[in-house]
Protein backbone atom coordinates (compact mmCIF):
# COMPACT_ATOMS: atom_id res chain seq x y z
CA MET A 1 97.04 127.97 104.28
CA THR A 2 98.41 125.53 106.84
CA LEU A 3 95.93 122.75 107.63
CA ALA A 4 95.51 120.82 110.84
CA VAL A 5 93.42 117.64 110.64
CA THR A 6 91.47 115.99 113.47
CA GLY A 7 89.38 112.87 113.75
CA ALA A 8 88.00 110.80 116.62
CA GLU A 9 84.81 108.89 117.43
CA SER A 10 82.53 110.95 115.19
CA ARG A 11 81.55 110.43 111.56
CA TYR A 12 83.62 113.43 110.49
CA ILE A 13 87.25 114.36 109.98
CA SER A 14 87.71 118.10 110.48
CA LEU A 15 90.07 120.33 108.51
CA TRP A 16 91.27 123.42 110.37
CA ASP A 17 93.15 126.54 109.29
CA ALA A 18 96.04 126.37 111.75
CA LYS A 19 96.75 130.10 111.55
CA THR A 20 93.22 131.37 112.18
CA GLU A 21 92.18 128.33 114.31
CA LEU A 22 88.93 128.13 112.35
CA ARG A 23 87.36 124.95 111.02
CA LYS A 24 87.42 125.04 107.21
CA ASN A 25 85.56 121.86 106.38
CA ASP A 26 84.33 118.49 107.60
CA LEU A 27 84.82 115.28 105.63
CA TYR A 28 82.07 112.70 106.10
CA THR A 29 83.63 109.29 106.84
CA SER A 30 80.46 107.19 106.21
CA THR A 31 81.39 104.81 109.04
CA ASP A 32 80.64 104.52 112.75
CA ALA A 33 84.18 103.28 113.42
CA PRO A 34 86.53 105.71 115.21
CA VAL A 35 89.55 107.15 113.42
CA THR A 36 92.87 105.62 114.51
CA SER A 37 95.32 107.18 112.03
CA ILE A 38 95.43 110.21 109.71
CA ALA A 39 98.10 111.17 107.18
CA TYR A 40 98.05 114.44 105.26
CA GLY A 41 100.66 116.81 103.94
CA PRO A 42 101.32 119.23 101.09
CA SER A 43 103.28 116.57 99.21
CA HIS A 44 100.28 114.20 99.25
CA PHE A 45 98.71 115.67 96.08
CA GLY A 46 95.69 117.02 98.01
CA LEU A 47 94.89 113.56 99.37
CA LEU A 48 94.29 112.62 102.98
CA CYS A 49 94.15 109.04 104.23
CA ALA A 50 92.52 107.87 107.45
CA GLY A 51 92.51 104.47 109.12
CA PHE A 52 89.67 103.17 111.29
CA THR A 53 89.02 100.57 113.99
CA ASP A 54 86.96 98.47 111.55
CA GLY A 55 90.07 97.73 109.46
CA SER A 56 89.18 100.12 106.65
CA VAL A 57 91.22 102.95 105.18
CA ARG A 58 89.58 105.88 103.41
CA VAL A 59 91.29 108.32 101.05
CA PHE A 60 89.78 111.79 100.64
CA ASP A 61 90.58 114.55 98.16
CA VAL A 62 90.63 117.67 100.37
CA ARG A 63 90.61 119.89 97.27
CA SER A 64 87.11 118.61 96.51
CA PRO A 65 85.49 118.00 99.92
CA GLU A 66 82.15 116.99 98.39
CA SER A 67 83.70 114.05 96.56
CA ARG A 68 83.28 110.54 97.95
CA ALA A 69 86.15 108.81 99.67
CA MET A 70 87.91 105.82 98.17
CA VAL A 71 87.44 102.96 100.63
CA PHE A 72 89.93 100.11 101.08
CA GLU A 73 88.84 97.20 103.24
CA GLY A 74 90.27 93.81 104.01
CA LEU A 75 92.57 94.43 106.93
CA GLY A 76 91.29 92.54 109.96
CA GLY A 77 92.45 94.61 112.89
CA ASN A 78 92.52 98.23 113.92
CA ILE A 79 94.51 100.34 111.48
CA LEU A 80 97.63 101.40 113.36
CA ASP A 81 99.06 103.61 110.64
CA CYS A 82 98.47 104.70 107.07
CA LYS A 83 100.71 106.70 104.77
CA LEU A 84 100.65 108.17 101.28
CA LYS A 85 103.83 107.78 99.25
CA GLY A 86 104.92 107.91 95.63
CA ASP A 87 104.41 110.65 93.07
CA HIS A 88 101.68 112.03 90.79
CA GLN A 89 102.19 109.19 88.32
CA ARG A 90 101.94 106.45 90.94
CA PRO A 91 100.46 107.47 94.32
CA LEU A 92 100.68 104.66 96.84
CA LEU A 93 98.70 104.02 100.03
CA ILE A 94 100.38 101.91 102.71
CA ALA A 95 98.38 100.69 105.72
CA GLY A 96 99.16 98.37 108.62
CA ASP A 97 96.82 96.80 111.16
CA SER A 98 97.05 95.44 114.72
CA ASN A 99 97.39 91.86 113.37
CA GLY A 100 100.69 92.72 111.69
CA VAL A 101 99.27 92.81 108.16
CA ILE A 102 100.49 95.51 105.78
CA GLN A 103 98.69 96.40 102.55
CA PHE A 104 99.94 98.44 99.60
CA HIS A 105 97.39 100.07 97.27
CA GLU A 106 98.31 101.72 93.98
CA LEU A 107 95.65 104.44 93.95
CA ARG A 108 95.58 105.12 90.21
CA MET A 109 95.69 101.46 89.22
CA GLY A 110 93.12 100.17 91.69
CA SER A 111 95.38 97.30 92.71
CA SER A 112 96.50 96.16 96.14
CA HIS A 113 99.12 93.87 97.62
CA ARG A 114 99.18 92.25 101.06
CA ARG A 115 102.25 91.34 103.08
C-alpha cells in the first residue's frame, strides 16, 4: 500500500491509501498546535515524524496507530522541517526551527543534541 499523509490545523494527522484514495487511519496529535512539517517513507521503519508551531516534534509508529507518540520539545520556534535518518540500530530524528536551532535525537537512546 502506498500511503499519503496529511496534517493541518486539526488534532489529527490522516493516513490515506493513495491508490484507493480512502482514509486508512487518523493519528491523534494531542496538541492544539498546527502541523508544519511531516516526514514519512518506507525506509523510516514504520515511523512518521511531525513538527508543530509550538516547537514540538512528535514521532508516531504507523504500524501501531493506537500507540502514543514520542514527544520532543525544547525548540523555541515553529518547526520548519523534521526528518528521520539512520538505520534500525540507530534511528535519528533531526528537527530545525524558525530560530535557526537544529536538534538531533537518537530515538532508541533517548538522547538529544542541540546545534
